[in-house]
Protein backbone atom coordinates (compact mmCIF):
# COMPACT_ATOMS: atom_id res chain seq x y z
CA UNK A 1 5.89 7.58 10.42
CA UNK A 2 5.13 9.36 13.37
CA UNK A 3 6.99 7.23 16.67
CA UNK A 4 8.59 10.14 18.03
CA UNK A 5 12.00 8.38 17.48
CA UNK A 6 11.44 5.26 18.69
CA UNK A 7 12.91 2.74 16.56
CA UNK A 8 12.19 -0.36 17.34
CA UNK A 9 7.98 0.87 17.49
CA UNK A 10 9.32 1.46 14.11
CA UNK A 11 10.78 -1.54 12.84
CA UNK A 12 7.59 -3.44 14.52
CA UNK A 13 4.89 -1.54 12.48
CA UNK A 14 7.54 -2.22 9.20
CA UNK A 15 7.42 -5.90 9.86
CA UNK A 16 3.59 -5.85 10.17
CA UNK A 17 3.76 -4.24 6.88
CA UNK A 18 6.09 -6.27 5.25
CA UNK A 19 3.67 -9.74 6.33
CA UNK A 20 0.73 -7.98 5.46
CA UNK A 21 1.00 -5.58 1.93
CA UNK A 22 2.08 -8.18 0.03
CA UNK A 23 -1.41 -10.74 0.60
CA UNK A 24 -2.96 -7.23 0.02
CA UNK A 25 -1.57 -6.66 -3.15
CA UNK A 26 -1.46 -9.62 -4.28
CA UNK A 27 -5.97 -9.35 -3.43
CA UNK A 28 -6.31 -6.09 -4.88
CA UNK A 29 -4.58 -6.81 -8.27
CA UNK A 30 -6.84 -10.23 -8.30
CA UNK A 31 -9.98 -8.01 -6.88
CA UNK A 32 -8.72 -5.49 -10.66
CA UNK A 33 -8.58 -8.15 -12.88
CA UNK A 34 -12.32 -9.99 -12.13
CA UNK A 35 -13.58 -6.20 -11.26
CA UNK A 36 -14.68 -7.01 -8.15
CA UNK A 37 -15.47 -2.83 -6.99
CA UNK A 38 -16.58 -3.40 -3.75
CA UNK A 39 -13.35 -4.99 -2.78
CA UNK A 40 -10.67 -2.86 -5.09
CA UNK A 41 -12.18 -0.07 -2.59
CA UNK A 42 -11.68 -2.76 0.70
CA UNK A 43 -8.22 -3.29 -0.29
CA UNK A 44 -7.24 0.02 -1.62
CA UNK A 45 -8.67 1.34 1.76
CA UNK A 46 -6.83 -0.48 3.95
CA UNK A 47 -3.07 -0.21 1.74
CA UNK A 48 -3.88 3.38 1.96
CA UNK A 49 -4.26 3.65 6.00
CA UNK A 50 -0.85 0.97 5.72
CA UNK A 51 1.23 3.67 3.38
CA UNK A 52 -0.53 6.67 5.57
CA UNK A 53 1.46 4.93 8.73
CA UNK A 54 4.79 4.66 7.26
CA UNK A 55 4.19 8.55 4.88
CA UNK A 56 4.38 6.55 1.36
CA UNK A 57 2.27 9.99 -0.22
CA UNK A 58 2.07 9.14 -3.90
CA UNK A 59 1.60 5.25 -3.44
CA UNK A 60 -1.19 6.45 -0.47
CA UNK A 61 -2.25 8.89 -3.07
CA UNK A 62 -2.37 6.54 -6.43
CA UNK A 63 -4.41 3.79 -3.55
CA UNK A 64 -7.31 7.05 -2.56
CA UNK A 65 -7.26 7.53 -5.95
CA UNK A 66 -8.16 3.40 -6.80
CA UNK A 67 -10.45 3.01 -3.53
CA UNK A 68 -12.42 6.15 -4.83
CA UNK A 69 -12.50 4.82 -9.00
CA UNK A 70 -14.29 1.52 -7.14
CA UNK A 71 -16.18 3.00 -5.00
CA UNK A 72 -17.86 5.36 -8.40
CA UNK A 73 -17.66 1.88 -10.04
CA UNK A 74 -15.49 3.99 -12.52
CA UNK A 75 -13.65 0.81 -14.44
CA UNK A 76 -12.70 2.92 -16.76
CA UNK A 77 -8.41 3.75 -15.82
CA UNK A 78 -8.51 1.34 -13.24
CA UNK A 79 -6.00 -0.61 -15.30
CA UNK A 80 -3.63 1.95 -15.46
CA UNK A 81 -3.96 2.84 -12.02
CA UNK A 82 -3.39 -0.08 -10.46
CA UNK A 83 -0.64 -0.15 -12.73
CA UNK A 84 0.58 3.14 -11.46
CA UNK A 85 0.35 2.19 -7.96
CA UNK A 86 2.76 -1.49 -8.41
CA UNK A 87 5.66 1.14 -10.01
CA UNK A 88 5.31 3.26 -6.83
CA UNK A 89 5.13 0.28 -4.14
CA UNK A 90 7.36 -1.40 -6.51
CA UNK A 91 10.52 -0.62 -4.70
CA UNK A 92 9.59 -0.11 -1.21
CA UNK A 93 10.12 -3.79 0.99
CA UNK A 94 13.44 -3.49 -0.22
CA UNK A 95 13.50 -0.20 0.94
CA UNK A 96 12.02 -0.71 4.67
CA UNK A 97 14.64 -3.84 4.30
CA UNK A 98 17.59 -1.66 4.15
CA UNK A 99 16.22 1.00 7.06
CA UNK A 100 15.11 -1.58 9.18
CA UNK A 101 19.32 -3.01 9.20
CA UNK A 102 20.08 0.42 9.36
CA UNK A 103 18.42 0.93 12.36
CA UNK A 104 20.03 -1.95 13.69
CA UNK A 105 21.81 -1.14 17.21
């Protein structure tokens, strides 16, 4: 994360991420199930930005792929791409919790 070694700012950003990420992930899952490509695209874009800000490169790339698939109206493989995304972010929140605990003075 590009915060110039400002651990307080990083912890604040992680806190915002931890609050917003589960809600967005749940929304993305629901939009994929319903085939709501417009909202799959928008939600994937939001997740891509959040993950990019934390330098979570693999998941950022997969979110970008989901966004592009939705933009193109490509439903073939969308469920599989979502499953890959879910596996890439599965350990993210515990890792962020561990980091914020280590960063405490």
